[in-house]
Structures are given as C-alpha cells and as structure tokens.
C-alpha cells in the first residue's frame, strides 16, 4: 500500500443527519475524548499555520535554505503528531483488541508501523 492508497482509504459516508463524516473504509471508528480531540486538532492547526507560512515564503521568493528549515520543522511537527496518535492508538484500540483476543490487530499494527517508517 503506497501513500496514495493510505489517503484514499478514507471515504465519506452520510450519517443519519445527512452530513458527511469521514470514516475509514473498514468501517471502524475511534471515539476520542474532547481533550484528545482538542490536543490533536491544536497540533494540526499549528502545522497548518506552518504550511501557510511556507507557502507565503515561496510566494515572496524567500531564500531556499530558509524555506527548507521551515519545511523540516513541519516534518518534525507531523512526526510528533504521528507519535502522539500512534501512542494513543496502542494504549486504547490495540490494547482493547488484544484483550478481546483479536490477534489480527497485531498484524494491523505491524503494517501501520511499517508504513509510518518509510
């Protein structure tokens, strides 16, 4: 599975109120606490701001090393986001599935880690 496949794994599914909600193609969802959601969204909002800043640098013809330095900061921020999300996934979803005897979750986790380490 390549990066394009990972992105295309999400599909829009109408909910009962007629609005679209993103759900993975496998039909699984993760209920997050408001605190966890807020933390993840805050991280993503900061990253989004960094990306907009880089875009502005390109538009203003900023010096390449300056842009690359900012791009590296975005990569680091995304890695931190991934680590936080993966950690929570292991503590909750994976642990719960293993307790329920769903050993296929270990294979899923192994594949996920393989994709993240590319």
PDB file of N, CA and C in Angstrom:
ATOM      1  N   UNK A   1       0.857  -1.168   0.000  1.00  0.00           N
ATOM      2  CA  UNK A   1       0.000   0.000   0.000  1.00  0.00           C
ATOM      3  C   UNK A   1       0.904   1.231   0.000  1.00  0.00           C
ATOM      4  N   UNK A   2       0.734   2.127  -0.973  1.00  0.00           N
ATOM      5  CA  UNK A   2       1.549   3.331  -1.016  1.00  0.00           C
ATOM      6  C   UNK A   2       0.794   4.499  -0.397  1.00  0.00           C
ATOM      7  N   UNK A   3       1.451   5.694  -0.384  1.00  0.00           N
ATOM      8  CA  UNK A   3       0.848   6.864   0.254  1.00  0.00           C
ATOM      9  C   UNK A   3      -0.502   7.206  -0.352  1.00  0.00           C
ATOM     10  N   UNK A   4      -0.642   7.072  -1.673  1.00  0.00           N
ATOM     11  CA  UNK A   4      -1.915   7.374  -2.335  1.00  0.00           C
ATOM     12  C   UNK A   4      -3.012   6.451  -1.809  1.00  0.00           C
ATOM     13  N   UNK A   5      -2.679   5.171  -1.622  1.00  0.00           N
ATOM     14  CA  UNK A   5      -3.658   4.221  -1.099  1.00  0.00           C
ATOM     15  C   UNK A   5      -4.076   4.589   0.325  1.00  0.00           C
ATOM     16  N   UNK A   6      -3.120   5.054   1.124  1.00  0.00           N
ATOM     17  CA  UNK A   6      -3.434   5.418   2.501  1.00  0.00           C
ATOM     18  C   UNK A   6      -4.410   6.585   2.503  1.00  0.00           C
ATOM     19  N   UNK A   7      -4.153   7.579   1.660  1.00  0.00           N
ATOM     20  CA  UNK A   7      -5.044   8.737   1.586  1.00  0.00           C
ATOM     21  C   UNK A   7      -6.416   8.310   1.101  1.00  0.00           C
ATOM     22  N   UNK A   8      -6.471   7.437   0.095  1.00  0.00           N
ATOM     23  CA  UNK A   8      -7.741   7.021  -0.482  1.00  0.00           C
ATOM     24  C   UNK A   8      -8.482   5.996   0.362  1.00  0.00           C
ATOM     25  N   UNK A   9      -7.892   5.580   1.470  1.00  0.00           N
ATOM     26  CA  UNK A   9      -8.540   4.618   2.345  1.00  0.00           C
ATOM     27  C   UNK A   9      -9.750   5.240   3.041  1.00  0.00           C
ATOM     28  N   UNK A  10      -9.764   6.557   3.186  1.00  0.00           N
ATOM     29  CA  UNK A  10     -10.881   7.236   3.845  1.00  0.00           C
ATOM     30  C   UNK A  10     -11.967   7.527   2.829  1.00  0.00           C
ATOM     31  N   UNK A  11     -13.209   7.339   3.248  1.00  0.00           N
ATOM     32  CA  UNK A  11     -14.346   7.601   2.376  1.00  0.00           C
ATOM     33  C   UNK A  11     -15.353   8.456   3.120  1.00  0.00           C
ATOM     34  N   UNK A  12     -16.153   9.202   2.388  1.00  0.00           N
ATOM     35  CA  UNK A  12     -17.222   9.982   3.006  1.00  0.00           C
ATOM     36  C   UNK A  12     -18.477   9.128   3.066  1.00  0.00           C
ATOM     37  N   UNK A  13     -19.058   9.035   4.235  1.00  0.00           N
ATOM     38  CA  UNK A  13     -20.259   8.238   4.449  1.00  0.00           C
ATOM     39  C   UNK A  13     -21.306   9.146   5.071  1.00  0.00           C
ATOM     40  N   UNK A  14     -22.488   9.263   4.453  1.00  0.00           N
ATOM     41  CA  UNK A  14     -23.518  10.116   5.051  1.00  0.00           C
ATOM     42  C   UNK A  14     -23.950   9.564   6.409  1.00  0.00           C
ATOM     43  N   UNK A  15     -24.083  10.448   7.389  1.00  0.00           N
ATOM     44  CA  UNK A  15     -24.592   9.996   8.679  1.00  0.00           C
ATOM     45  C   UNK A  15     -26.110  10.160   8.705  1.00  0.00           C
ATOM     46  N   UNK A  16     -26.722   9.875   9.849  1.00  0.00           N
ATOM     47  CA  UNK A  16     -28.177   9.920   9.940  1.00  0.00           C
ATOM     48  C   UNK A  16     -28.746  11.307   9.681  1.00  0.00           C
ATOM     49  N   UNK A  17     -27.961  12.354   9.899  1.00  0.00           N
ATOM     50  CA  UNK A  17     -28.448  13.711   9.721  1.00  0.00           C
ATOM     51  C   UNK A  17     -28.186  14.206   8.300  1.00  0.00           C
ATOM     52  N   UNK A  18     -27.660  13.334   7.432  1.00  0.00           N
ATOM     53  CA  UNK A  18     -27.420  13.714   6.050  1.00  0.00           C
ATOM     54  C   UNK A  18     -26.080  14.385   5.826  1.00  0.00           C
ATOM     55  N   UNK A  19     -25.306  14.596   6.885  1.00  0.00           N
ATOM     56  CA  UNK A  19     -24.000  15.211   6.741  1.00  0.00           C
ATOM     57  C   UNK A  19     -22.975  14.117   6.500  1.00  0.00           C
ATOM     58  N   UNK A  20     -21.883  14.486   5.847  1.00  0.00           N
ATOM     59  CA  UNK A  20     -20.822  13.517   5.610  1.00  0.00           C
ATOM     60  C   UNK A  20     -19.858  13.511   6.779  1.00  0.00           C
ATOM     61  N   UNK A  21     -19.457  12.334   7.132  1.00  0.00           N
ATOM     62  CA  UNK A  21     -18.462  12.186   8.176  1.00  0.00           C
ATOM     63  C   UNK A  21     -17.420  11.236   7.620  1.00  0.00           C
ATOM     64  N   UNK A  22     -16.152  11.499   7.909  1.00  0.00           N
ATOM     65  CA  UNK A  22     -15.099  10.656   7.380  1.00  0.00           C
ATOM     66  C   UNK A  22     -14.992   9.413   8.240  1.00  0.00           C
ATOM     67  N   UNK A  23     -15.015   8.287   7.590  1.00  0.00           N
ATOM     68  CA  UNK A  23     -14.896   7.010   8.265  1.00  0.00           C
ATOM     69  C   UNK A  23     -13.982   6.154   7.414  1.00  0.00           C
ATOM     70  N   UNK A  24     -13.148   5.362   8.058  1.00  0.00           N
ATOM     71  CA  UNK A  24     -12.254   4.537   7.267  1.00  0.00           C
ATOM     72  C   UNK A  24     -13.052   3.488   6.494  1.00  0.00           C
ATOM     73  N   UNK A  25     -12.482   3.030   5.420  1.00  0.00           N
ATOM     74  CA  UNK A  25     -13.163   2.076   4.549  1.00  0.00           C
ATOM     75  C   UNK A  25     -13.516   0.784   5.288  1.00  0.00           C
ATOM     76  N   UNK A  26     -12.780   0.475   6.349  1.00  0.00           N
ATOM     77  CA  UNK A  26     -13.058  -0.752   7.094  1.00  0.00           C
ATOM     78  C   UNK A  26     -14.277  -0.599   8.006  1.00  0.00           C
ATOM     79  N   UNK A  27     -14.787   0.631   8.149  1.00  0.00           N
ATOM     80  CA  UNK A  27     -15.964   0.855   8.966  1.00  0.00           C
ATOM     81  C   UNK A  27     -15.679   1.072  10.438  1.00  0.00           C
ATOM     82  N   UNK A  28     -14.413   1.054  10.833  1.00  0.00           N
ATOM     83  CA  UNK A  28     -14.064   1.246  12.236  1.00  0.00           C
ATOM     84  C   UNK A  28     -13.929   2.725  12.542  1.00  0.00           C
ATOM     85  N   UNK A  29     -14.263   3.088  13.754  1.00  0.00           N
ATOM     86  CA  UNK A  29     -14.132   4.464  14.211  1.00  0.00           C
ATOM     87  C   UNK A  29     -13.498   4.458  15.586  1.00  0.00           C
ATOM     88  N   UNK A  30     -13.002   5.603  15.998  1.00  0.00           N
ATOM     89  CA  UNK A  30     -12.406   5.754  17.319  1.00  0.00           C
ATOM     90  C   UNK A  30     -13.091   6.908  18.017  1.00  0.00           C
ATOM     91  N   UNK A  31     -13.749   6.632  19.107  1.00  0.00           N
ATOM     92  CA  UNK A  31     -14.349   7.702  19.893  1.00  0.00           C
ATOM     93  C   UNK A  31     -13.247   8.303  20.765  1.00  0.00           C
ATOM     94  N   UNK A  32     -13.013   9.591  20.584  1.00  0.00           N
ATOM     95  CA  UNK A  32     -11.965  10.281  21.321  1.00  0.00           C
ATOM     96  C   UNK A  32     -12.589  11.202  22.366  1.00  0.00           C
ATOM     97  N   UNK A  33     -11.880  11.377  23.455  1.00  0.00           N
ATOM     98  CA  UNK A  33     -12.332  12.342  24.453  1.00  0.00           C
ATOM     99  C   UNK A  33     -12.190  13.740  23.855  1.00  0.00           C
ATOM    100  N   UNK A  34     -12.912  14.674  24.406  1.00  0.00           N
ATOM    101  CA  UNK A  34     -12.813  16.063  23.940  1.00  0.00           C
ATOM    102  C   UNK A  34     -11.386  16.576  24.115  1.00  0.00           C
ATOM    103  N   UNK A  35     -10.736  16.187  25.196  1.00  0.00           N
ATOM    104  CA  UNK A  35      -9.354  16.618  25.445  1.00  0.00           C
ATOM    105  C   UNK A  35      -8.407  16.078  24.373  1.00  0.00           C
ATOM    106  N   UNK A  36      -8.562  14.797  24.020  1.00  0.00           N
ATOM    107  CA  UNK A  36      -7.710  14.204  22.994  1.00  0.00           C
ATOM    108  C   UNK A  36      -7.956  14.884  21.644  1.00  0.00           C
ATOM    109  N   UNK A  37      -9.232  15.077  21.289  1.00  0.00           N
ATOM    110  CA  UNK A  37      -9.555  15.756  20.032  1.00  0.00           C
ATOM    111  C   UNK A  37      -8.942  17.146  19.992  1.00  0.00           C
ATOM    112  N   UNK A  38      -9.121  17.884  21.075  1.00  0.00           N
ATOM    113  CA  UNK A  38      -8.615  19.257  21.144  1.00  0.00           C
ATOM    114  C   UNK A  38      -7.097  19.272  20.973  1.00  0.00           C
ATOM    115  N   UNK A  39      -6.410  18.358  21.624  1.00  0.00           N
ATOM    116  CA  UNK A  39      -4.959  18.293  21.528  1.00  0.00           C
ATOM    117  C   UNK A  39      -4.512  17.988  20.093  1.00  0.00           C
ATOM    118  N   UNK A  40      -5.141  16.993  19.461  1.00  0.00           N
ATOM    119  CA  UNK A  40      -4.779  16.639  18.091  1.00  0.00           C
ATOM    120  C   UNK A  40      -5.100  17.769  17.114  1.00  0.00           C
ATOM    121  N   UNK A  41      -6.259  18.373  17.277  1.00  0.00           N
ATOM    122  CA  UNK A  41      -6.652  19.477  16.384  1.00  0.00           C
ATOM    123  C   UNK A  41      -5.738  20.674  16.575  1.00  0.00           C
ATOM    124  N   UNK A  42      -5.344  20.963  17.812  1.00  0.00           N
ATOM    125  CA  UNK A  42      -4.407  22.068  18.049  1.00  0.00           C
ATOM    126  C   UNK A  42      -3.077  21.821  17.347  1.00  0.00           C
ATOM    127  N   UNK A  43      -2.584  20.591  17.438  1.00  0.00           N
ATOM    128  CA  UNK A  43      -1.329  20.251  16.738  1.00  0.00           C
ATOM    129  C   UNK A  43      -1.483  20.464  15.237  1.00  0.00           C
ATOM    130  N   UNK A  44      -2.588  19.970  14.689  1.00  0.00           N
ATOM    131  CA  UNK A  44      -2.823  20.104  13.248  1.00  0.00           C
ATOM    132  C   UNK A  44      -2.994  21.557  12.834  1.00  0.00           C
ATOM    133  N   UNK A  45      -3.629  22.352  13.670  1.00  0.00           N
ATOM    134  CA  UNK A  45      -3.801  23.774  13.353  1.00  0.00           C
ATOM    135  C   UNK A  45      -2.452  24.491  13.313  1.00  0.00           C
ATOM    136  N   UNK A  46      -1.562  24.147  14.249  1.00  0.00           N
ATOM    137  CA  UNK A  46      -0.218  24.738  14.222  1.00  0.00           C
ATOM    138  C   UNK A  46       0.526  24.331  12.960  1.00  0.00           C
ATOM    139  N   UNK A  47       0.408  23.059  12.588  1.00  0.00           N
ATOM    140  CA  UNK A  47       1.063  22.572  11.371  1.00  0.00           C
ATOM    141  C   UNK A  47       0.482  23.276  10.148  1.00  0.00           C
ATOM    142  N   UNK A  48      -0.826  23.431  10.129  1.00  0.00           N
ATOM    143  CA  UNK A  48      -1.481  24.131   9.022  1.00  0.00           C
ATOM    144  C   UNK A  48      -0.948  25.557   8.904  1.00  0.00           C
ATOM    145  N   UNK A  49      -0.761  26.219  10.033  1.00  0.00           N
ATOM    146  CA  UNK A  49      -0.197  27.562  10.031  1.00  0.00           C
ATOM    147  C   UNK A  49       1.228  27.574   9.502  1.00  0.00           C
ATOM    148  N   UNK A  50       1.998  26.563   9.888  1.00  0.00           N
ATOM    149  CA  UNK A  50       3.369  26.465   9.382  1.00  0.00           C
ATOM    150  C   UNK A  50       3.368  26.290   7.862  1.00  0.00           C
ATOM    151  N   UNK A  51       2.477  25.467   7.360  1.00  0.00           N
ATOM    152  CA  UNK A  51       2.387  25.234   5.912  1.00  0.00           C
ATOM    153  C   UNK A  51       2.020  26.536   5.198  1.00  0.00           C
ATOM    154  N   UNK A  52       1.049  27.257   5.747  1.00  0.00           N
ATOM    155  CA  UNK A  52       0.684  28.545   5.137  1.00  0.00           C
ATOM    156  C   UNK A  52       1.870  29.500   5.149  1.00  0.00           C
ATOM    157  N   UNK A  53       2.664  29.465   6.223  1.00  0.00           N
ATOM    158  CA  UNK A  53       3.859  30.300   6.304  1.00  0.00           C
ATOM    159  C   UNK A  53       4.868  29.948   5.228  1.00  0.00           C
ATOM    160  N   UNK A  54       5.053  28.647   4.995  1.00  0.00           N
ATOM    161  CA  UNK A  54       5.975  28.205   3.940  1.00  0.00           C
ATOM    162  C   UNK A  54       5.457  28.638   2.578  1.00  0.00           C
ATOM    163  N   UNK A  55       4.176  28.501   2.363  1.00  0.00           N
ATOM    164  CA  UNK A  55       3.590  28.941   1.094  1.00  0.00           C
ATOM    165  C   UNK A  55       3.869  30.423   0.869  1.00  0.00           C
ATOM    166  N   UNK A  56       3.689  31.210   1.915  1.00  0.00           N
ATOM    167  CA  UNK A  56       3.979  32.640   1.823  1.00  0.00           C
ATOM    168  C   UNK A  56       5.446  32.909   1.514  1.00  0.00           C
ATOM    169  N   UNK A  57       6.329  32.106   2.100  1.00  0.00           N
ATOM    170  CA  UNK A  57       7.759  32.266   1.833  1.00  0.00           C
ATOM    171  C   UNK A  57       8.055  32.012   0.356  1.00  0.00           C
ATOM    172  N   UNK A  58       7.427  30.996  -0.199  1.00  0.00           N
ATOM    173  CA  UNK A  58       7.630  30.689  -1.620  1.00  0.00           C
ATOM    174  C   UNK A  58       7.096  31.843  -2.468  1.00  0.00           C
ATOM    175  N   UNK A  59       5.918  32.338  -2.116  1.00  0.00           N
ATOM    176  CA  UNK A  59       5.326  33.451  -2.865  1.00  0.00           C
ATOM    177  C   UNK A  59       6.190  34.701  -2.803  1.00  0.00           C
ATOM    178  N   UNK A  60       6.909  34.894  -1.685  1.00  0.00           N
ATOM    179  CA  UNK A  60       7.772  36.070  -1.519  1.00  0.00           C
ATOM    180  C   UNK A  60       9.201  35.815  -1.989  1.00  0.00           C
ATOM    181  N   UNK A  61       9.416  34.658  -2.624  1.00  0.00           N
ATOM    182  CA  UNK A  61      10.749  34.303  -3.135  1.00  0.00           C
ATOM    183  C   UNK A  61      11.806  34.254  -2.037  1.00  0.00           C
ATOM    184  N   UNK A  62      11.456  33.665  -0.904  1.00  0.00           N
ATOM    185  CA  UNK A  62      12.404  33.536   0.206  1.00  0.00           C
ATOM    186  C   UNK A  62      13.578  32.641  -0.200  1.00  0.00           C
ATOM    187  N   UNK A  63      14.665  32.787   0.496  1.00  0.00           N
ATOM    188  CA  UNK A  63      15.884  32.028   0.261  1.00  0.00           C
ATOM    189  C   UNK A  63      15.626  30.542   0.554  1.00  0.00           C
ATOM    190  N   UNK A  64      16.061  29.684  -0.366  1.00  0.00           N
ATOM    191  CA  UNK A  64      15.771  28.230  -0.276  1.00  0.00           C
ATOM    192  C   UNK A  64      16.088  27.617   1.085  1.00  0.00           C
ATOM    193  N   UNK A  65      17.292  27.850   1.655  1.00  0.00           N
ATOM    194  CA  UNK A  65      17.572  27.238   2.963  1.00  0.00           C
ATOM    195  C   UNK A  65      16.588  27.667   4.053  1.00  0.00           C
ATOM    196  N   UNK A  66      16.089  28.898   3.968  1.00  0.00           N
ATOM    197  CA  UNK A  66      15.100  29.343   4.957  1.00  0.00           C
ATOM    198  C   UNK A  66      13.800  28.555   4.817  1.00  0.00           C
ATOM    199  N   UNK A  67      13.382  28.330   3.580  1.00  0.00           N
ATOM    200  CA  UNK A  67      12.170  27.543   3.328  1.00  0.00           C
ATOM    201  C   UNK A  67      12.382  26.102   3.784  1.00  0.00           C
ATOM    202  N   UNK A  68      13.532  25.544   3.450  1.00  0.00           N
ATOM    203  CA  UNK A  68      13.826  24.157   3.837  1.00  0.00           C
ATOM    204  C   UNK A  68      13.873  23.992   5.354  1.00  0.00           C
ATOM    205  N   UNK A  69      14.360  24.997   6.054  1.00  0.00           N
ATOM    206  CA  UNK A  69      14.378  24.943   7.516  1.00  0.00           C
ATOM    207  C   UNK A  69      12.963  24.873   8.062  1.00  0.00           C
ATOM    208  N   UNK A  70      12.076  25.685   7.489  1.00  0.00           N
ATOM    209  CA  UNK A  70      10.676  25.655   7.916  1.00  0.00           C
ATOM    210  C   UNK A  70      10.000  24.343   7.536  1.00  0.00           C
ATOM    211  N   UNK A  71      10.330  23.812   6.359  1.00  0.00           N
ATOM    212  CA  UNK A  71       9.764  22.526   5.930  1.00  0.00           C
ATOM    213  C   UNK A  71      10.202  21.409   6.877  1.00  0.00           C
ATOM    214  N   UNK A  72      11.442  21.469   7.334  1.00  0.00           N
ATOM    215  CA  UNK A  72      11.931  20.468   8.290  1.00  0.00           C
ATOM    216  C   UNK A  72      11.169  20.570   9.604  1.00  0.00           C
ATOM    217  N   UNK A  73      10.828  21.801   9.998  1.00  0.00           N
ATOM    218  CA  UNK A  73      10.046  21.992  11.227  1.00  0.00           C
ATOM    219  C   UNK A  73       8.655  21.374  11.077  1.00  0.00           C
ATOM    220  N   UNK A  74       8.062  21.491   9.885  1.00  0.00           N
ATOM    221  CA  UNK A  74       6.752  20.875   9.632  1.00  0.00           C
ATOM    222  C   UNK A  74       6.859  19.354   9.701  1.00  0.00           C
ATOM    223  N   UNK A  75       7.909  18.819   9.106  1.00  0.00           N
ATOM    224  CA  UNK A  75       8.123  17.368   9.157  1.00  0.00           C
ATOM    225  C   UNK A  75       8.243  16.900  10.603  1.00  0.00           C
ATOM    226  N   UNK A  76       8.985  17.634  11.394  1.00  0.00           N
ATOM    227  CA  UNK A  76       9.147  17.288  12.808  1.00  0.00           C
ATOM    228  C   UNK A  76       7.811  17.365  13.543  1.00  0.00           C
ATOM    229  N   UNK A  77       7.025  18.395  13.240  1.00  0.00           N
ATOM    230  CA  UNK A  77       5.716  18.547  13.880  1.00  0.00           C
ATOM    231  C   UNK A  77       4.781  17.408  13.471  1.00  0.00           C
ATOM    232  N   UNK A  78       4.807  17.006  12.207  1.00  0.00           N
ATOM    233  CA  UNK A  78       3.978  15.881  11.759  1.00  0.00           C
ATOM    234  C   UNK A  78       4.427  14.585  12.431  1.00  0.00           C
ATOM    235  N   UNK A  79       5.740  14.411  12.577  1.00  0.00           N
ATOM    236  CA  UNK A  79       6.235  13.218  13.264  1.00  0.00           C
ATOM    237  C   UNK A  79       5.755  13.188  14.716  1.00  0.00           C
ATOM    238  N   UNK A  80       5.753  14.339  15.374  1.00  0.00           N
ATOM    239  CA  UNK A  80       5.268  14.411  16.752  1.00  0.00           C
ATOM    240  C   UNK A  80       3.774  14.098  16.811  1.00  0.00           C
ATOM    241  N   UNK A  81       3.012  14.608  15.841  1.00  0.00           N
ATOM    242  CA  UNK A  81       1.582  14.310  15.760  1.00  0.00           C
ATOM    243  C   UNK A  81       1.384  12.797  15.592  1.00  0.00           C
ATOM    244  N   UNK A  82       2.126  12.197  14.660  1.00  0.00           N
ATOM    245  CA  UNK A  82       2.008  10.754  14.417  1.00  0.00           C
ATOM    246  C   UNK A  82       2.357   9.947  15.660  1.00  0.00           C
ATOM    247  N   UNK A  83       3.402  10.348  16.374  1.00  0.00           N
ATOM    248  CA  UNK A  83       3.790   9.636  17.593  1.00  0.00           C
ATOM    249  C   UNK A  83       2.689   9.709  18.641  1.00  0.00           C
ATOM    250  N   UNK A  84       2.114  10.892  18.819  1.00  0.00           N
ATOM    251  CA  UNK A  84       1.044  11.054  19.809  1.00  0.00           C
ATOM    252  C   UNK A  84      -0.168  10.203  19.446  1.00  0.00           C
ATOM    253  N   UNK A  85      -0.548  10.233  18.169  1.00  0.00           N
ATOM    254  CA  UNK A  85      -1.716   9.466  17.729  1.00  0.00           C
ATOM    255  C   UNK A  85      -1.447   7.960  17.809  1.00  0.00           C
ATOM    256  N   UNK A  86      -0.262   7.536  17.390  1.00  0.00           N
ATOM    257  CA  UNK A  86       0.095   6.115  17.462  1.00  0.00           C
ATOM    258  C   UNK A  86       0.119   5.634  18.909  1.00  0.00           C
ATOM    259  N   UNK A  87       0.672   6.434  19.787  1.00  0.00           N
ATOM    260  CA  UNK A  87       0.727   6.069  21.205  1.00  0.00           C
ATOM    261  C   UNK A  87      -0.674   5.865  21.774  1.00  0.00           C
ATOM    262  N   UNK A  88      -1.575   6.787  21.465  1.00  0.00           N
ATOM    263  CA  UNK A  88      -2.952   6.666  21.943  1.00  0.00           C
ATOM    264  C   UNK A  88      -3.637   5.447  21.312  1.00  0.00           C
ATOM    265  N   UNK A  89      -3.363   5.202  20.045  1.00  0.00           N
ATOM    266  CA  UNK A  89      -3.939   4.040  19.356  1.00  0.00           C
ATOM    267  C   UNK A  89      -3.507   2.739  20.042  1.00  0.00           C
ATOM    268  N   UNK A  90      -2.227   2.653  20.373  1.00  0.00           N
ATOM    269  CA  UNK A  90      -1.718   1.437  21.021  1.00  0.00           C
ATOM    270  C   UNK A  90      -2.336   1.284  22.413  1.00  0.00           C
ATOM    271  N   UNK A  91      -2.392   2.397  23.177  1.00  0.00           N
ATOM    272  CA  UNK A  91      -2.937   2.335  24.533  1.00  0.00           C
ATOM    273  C   UNK A  91      -4.415   1.978  24.565  1.00  0.00           C
ATOM    274  N   UNK A  92      -5.145   2.381  23.543  1.00  0.00           N
ATOM    275  CA  UNK A  92      -6.593   2.146  23.584  1.00  0.00           C
ATOM    276  C   UNK A  92      -7.003   1.046  22.618  1.00  0.00           C
ATOM    277  N   UNK A  93      -7.054   1.320  21.346  1.00  0.00           N
ATOM    278  CA  UNK A  93      -7.585   0.378  20.353  1.00  0.00           C
ATOM    279  C   UNK A  93      -6.845  -0.961  20.363  1.00  0.00           C
ATOM    280  N   UNK A  94      -5.519  -0.888  20.268  1.00  0.00           N
ATOM    281  CA  UNK A  94      -4.730  -2.127  20.181  1.00  0.00           C
ATOM    282  C   UNK A  94      -4.853  -2.926  21.476  1.00  0.00           C
ATOM    283  N   UNK A  95      -4.680  -2.268  22.600  1.00  0.00           N
ATOM    284  CA  UNK A  95      -4.769  -2.970  23.890  1.00  0.00           C
ATOM    285  C   UNK A  95      -6.144  -3.605  24.075  1.00  0.00           C
ATOM    286  N   UNK A  96      -7.202  -2.862  23.744  1.00  0.00           N
ATOM    287  CA  UNK A  96      -8.561  -3.409  23.883  1.00  0.00           C
ATOM    288  C   UNK A  96      -8.758  -4.631  22.984  1.00  0.00           C
ATOM    289  N   UNK A  97      -8.308  -4.526  21.724  1.00  0.00           N
ATOM    290  CA  UNK A  97      -8.460  -5.644  20.785  1.00  0.00           C
ATOM    291  C   UNK A  97      -7.691  -6.876  21.254  1.00  0.00           C
ATOM    292  N   UNK A  98      -6.496  -6.685  21.761  1.00  0.00           N
ATOM    293  CA  UNK A  98      -5.702  -7.829  22.238  1.00  0.00           C
ATOM    294  C   UNK A  98      -6.385  -8.473  23.439  1.00  0.00           C
ATOM    295  N   UNK A  99      -6.922  -7.650  24.340  1.00  0.00           N
ATOM    296  CA  UNK A  99      -7.657  -8.193  25.495  1.00  0.00           C
ATOM    297  C   UNK A  99      -8.863  -9.009  25.054  1.00  0.00           C
ATOM    298  N   UNK A 100      -9.460  -8.611  23.916  1.00  0.00           N
ATOM    299  CA  UNK A 100     -10.623  -9.326  23.383  1.00  0.00           C
ATOM    300  C   UNK A 100     -10.216 -10.510  22.510  1.00  0.00           C
ATOM    301  N   UNK A 101      -8.916 -10.780  22.405  1.00  0.00           N
ATOM    302  CA  UNK A 101      -8.438 -11.924  21.634  1.00  0.00           C
ATOM    303  C   UNK A 101      -8.339 -11.674  20.141  1.00  0.00           C
ATOM    304  N   UNK A 102      -8.376 -10.432  19.721  1.00  0.00           N
ATOM    305  CA  UNK A 102      -8.283 -10.097  18.296  1.00  0.00           C
ATOM    306  C   UNK A 102      -6.809  -9.938  17.905  1.00  0.00           C
ATOM    307  N   UNK A 103      -6.155 -11.057  17.708  1.00  0.00           N
ATOM    308  CA  UNK A 103      -4.723 -11.042  17.402  1.00  0.00           C
ATOM    309  C   UNK A 103      -4.396 -10.420  16.048  1.00  0.00           C
ATOM    310  N   UNK A 104      -5.392 -10.317  15.144  1.00  0.00           N
ATOM    311  CA  UNK A 104      -5.149  -9.690  13.842  1.00  0.00           C
ATOM    312  C   UNK A 104      -4.764  -8.221  14.004  1.00  0.00           C
ATOM    313  N   UNK A 105      -5.084  -7.644  15.144  1.00  0.00           N
ATOM    314  CA  UNK A 105      -4.719  -6.254  15.419  1.00  0.00           C
ATOM    315  C   UNK A 105      -3.209  -6.095  15.469  1.00  0.00           C
ATOM    316  N   UNK A 106      -2.505  -7.118  15.894  1.00  0.00           N
ATOM    317  CA  UNK A 106      -1.039  -7.064  15.931  1.00  0.00           C
ATOM    318  C   UNK A 106      -0.502  -6.955  14.513  1.00  0.00           C
ATOM    319  N   UNK A 107      -1.069  -7.728  13.583  1.00  0.00           N
ATOM    320  CA  UNK A 107      -0.658  -7.628  12.181  1.00  0.00           C
ATOM    321  C   UNK A 107      -0.957  -6.242  11.633  1.00  0.00           C
ATOM    322  N   UNK A 108      -2.129  -5.714  11.960  1.00  0.00           N
ATOM    323  CA  UNK A 108      -2.512  -4.373  11.504  1.00  0.00           C
ATOM    324  C   UNK A 108      -1.536  -3.323  12.042  1.00  0.00           C
ATOM    325  N   UNK A 109      -1.163  -3.442  13.309  1.00  0.00           N
ATOM    326  CA  UNK A 109      -0.230  -2.504  13.920  1.00  0.00           C
ATOM    327  C   UNK A 109       1.148  -2.616  13.273  1.00  0.00           C
ATOM    328  N   UNK A 110       1.587  -3.834  13.031  1.00  0.00           N
ATOM    329  CA  UNK A 110       2.879  -4.046  12.389  1.00  0.00           C
ATOM    330  C   UNK A 110       2.916  -3.402  11.005  1.00  0.00           C
ATOM    331  N   UNK A 111       1.850  -3.564  10.242  1.00  0.00           N
ATOM    332  CA  UNK A 111       1.757  -2.959   8.913  1.00  0.00           C
ATOM    333  C   UNK A 111       1.729  -1.434   9.014  1.00  0.00           C
ATOM    334  N   UNK A 112       1.002  -0.919   9.971  1.00  0.00           N
ATOM    335  CA  UNK A 112       0.937   0.522  10.181  1.00  0.00           C
ATOM    336  C   UNK A 112       2.312   1.092  10.489  1.00  0.00           C
ATOM    337  N   UNK A 113       3.036   0.460  11.372  1.00  0.00           N
ATOM    338  CA  UNK A 113       4.382   0.927  11.739  1.00  0.00           C
ATOM    339  C   UNK A 113       5.305   0.857  10.521  1.00  0.00           C
ATOM    340  N   UNK A 114       5.164  -0.194   9.719  1.00  0.00           N
ATOM    341  CA  UNK A 114       5.977  -0.311   8.511  1.00  0.00           C
ATOM    342  C   UNK A 114       5.722   0.881   7.576  1.00  0.00           C
ATOM    343  N   UNK A 115       4.441   1.243   7.392  1.00  0.00           N
ATOM    344  CA  UNK A 115       4.109   2.371   6.526  1.00  0.00           C
ATOM    345  C   UNK A 115       4.622   3.692   7.099  1.00  0.00           C
ATOM    346  N   UNK A 116       4.544   3.843   8.397  1.00  0.00           N
ATOM    347  CA  UNK A 116       4.996   5.091   9.025  1.00  0.00           C
ATOM    348  C   UNK A 116       6.512   5.255   8.967  1.00  0.00           C
ATOM    349  N   UNK A 117       7.234   4.152   8.881  1.00  0.00           N
ATOM    350  CA  UNK A 117       8.694   4.209   8.902  1.00  0.00           C
ATOM    351  C   UNK A 117       9.320   4.328   7.526  1.00  0.00           C
ATOM    352  N   UNK A 118       8.529   4.562   6.488  1.00  0.00           N
ATOM    353  CA  UNK A 118       9.083   4.716   5.139  1.00  0.00           C
ATOM    354  C   UNK A 118       9.920   5.948   5.045  1.00  0.00           C
TER     355      UNK A 118
END
